[in-house]
């Protein structure tokens, strides 16, 4: 269990995770803009996954009221 926790907290560059997760360029660029990430940013796999889901679930343009 402890070994799995350590692995889940391992940090990778966002470019590495983009390739590993096969994130499309447009989604990757949007995630970077939305999170203020720049080239070389180091995050865990879980942080990347959460940012990806947040970005995909965001309504473009803020929606209508």
Protein backbone atom coordinates (compact mmCIF):
# COMPACT_ATOMS: atom_id res chain seq x y z
CA UNK A 1 0.00 0.00 0.00
CA UNK A 2 2.74 2.46 0.93
CA UNK A 3 4.58 1.76 -2.32
CA UNK A 4 1.42 2.52 -4.33
CA UNK A 5 1.01 5.83 -2.42
CA UNK A 6 4.57 6.81 -3.22
CA UNK A 7 4.10 6.02 -6.90
CA UNK A 8 0.87 8.01 -7.07
CA UNK A 9 2.71 11.05 -5.67
CA UNK A 10 5.51 10.79 -8.23
CA UNK A 11 5.70 13.93 -10.35
CA UNK A 12 6.20 14.09 -14.11
CA UNK A 13 6.43 16.94 -16.58
CA UNK A 14 3.10 17.88 -18.15
CA UNK A 15 4.62 17.13 -21.57
CA UNK A 16 5.38 13.56 -20.46
CA UNK A 17 1.86 13.10 -19.10
CA UNK A 18 0.36 14.54 -22.31
CA UNK A 19 2.11 11.81 -24.30
CA UNK A 20 1.45 9.07 -21.73
CA UNK A 21 -2.28 9.89 -21.61
CA UNK A 22 -2.56 10.65 -25.34
CA UNK A 23 -4.13 14.03 -24.62
CA UNK A 24 -5.10 15.84 -27.85
CA UNK A 25 -3.16 19.07 -28.50
CA UNK A 26 -6.21 21.33 -28.22
CA UNK A 27 -7.23 19.82 -24.88
CA UNK A 28 -3.65 20.02 -23.59
CA UNK A 29 -3.33 23.69 -24.57
CA UNK A 30 -6.68 24.47 -22.93
CA UNK A 31 -5.68 22.67 -19.74
CA UNK A 32 -2.42 24.62 -19.61
CA UNK A 33 -4.21 27.94 -20.11
CA UNK A 34 -6.93 27.13 -17.57
CA UNK A 35 -4.42 26.07 -14.91
CA UNK A 36 -1.69 28.61 -15.63
CA UNK A 37 0.73 25.79 -16.47
CA UNK A 38 3.86 26.46 -18.52
CA UNK A 39 6.32 24.14 -20.22
CA UNK A 40 8.21 22.01 -17.71
CA UNK A 41 5.54 22.10 -14.98
CA UNK A 42 5.78 19.00 -12.78
CA UNK A 43 2.56 17.40 -11.51
CA UNK A 44 1.40 13.99 -10.33
CA UNK A 45 -0.64 11.70 -12.54
CA UNK A 46 -3.65 12.35 -10.30
CA UNK A 47 -3.31 16.16 -10.55
CA UNK A 48 -3.10 15.85 -14.32
CA UNK A 49 -6.16 13.56 -14.46
CA UNK A 50 -8.19 15.95 -12.31
CA UNK A 51 -7.19 18.96 -14.42
CA UNK A 52 -8.13 17.01 -17.55
CA UNK A 53 -11.58 16.14 -16.19
CA UNK A 54 -12.19 19.70 -14.97
CA UNK A 55 -11.29 21.08 -18.37
CA UNK A 56 -13.51 18.61 -20.25
CA UNK A 57 -16.46 19.30 -17.92
CA UNK A 58 -16.19 23.09 -18.17
CA UNK A 59 -18.85 24.90 -20.15
CA UNK A 60 -17.21 27.00 -22.85
CA UNK A 61 -18.23 30.63 -22.60
CA UNK A 62 -19.66 30.17 -19.11
CA UNK A 63 -23.10 29.07 -20.31
CA UNK A 64 -26.31 31.06 -20.51
CA UNK A 65 -28.46 32.19 -17.64
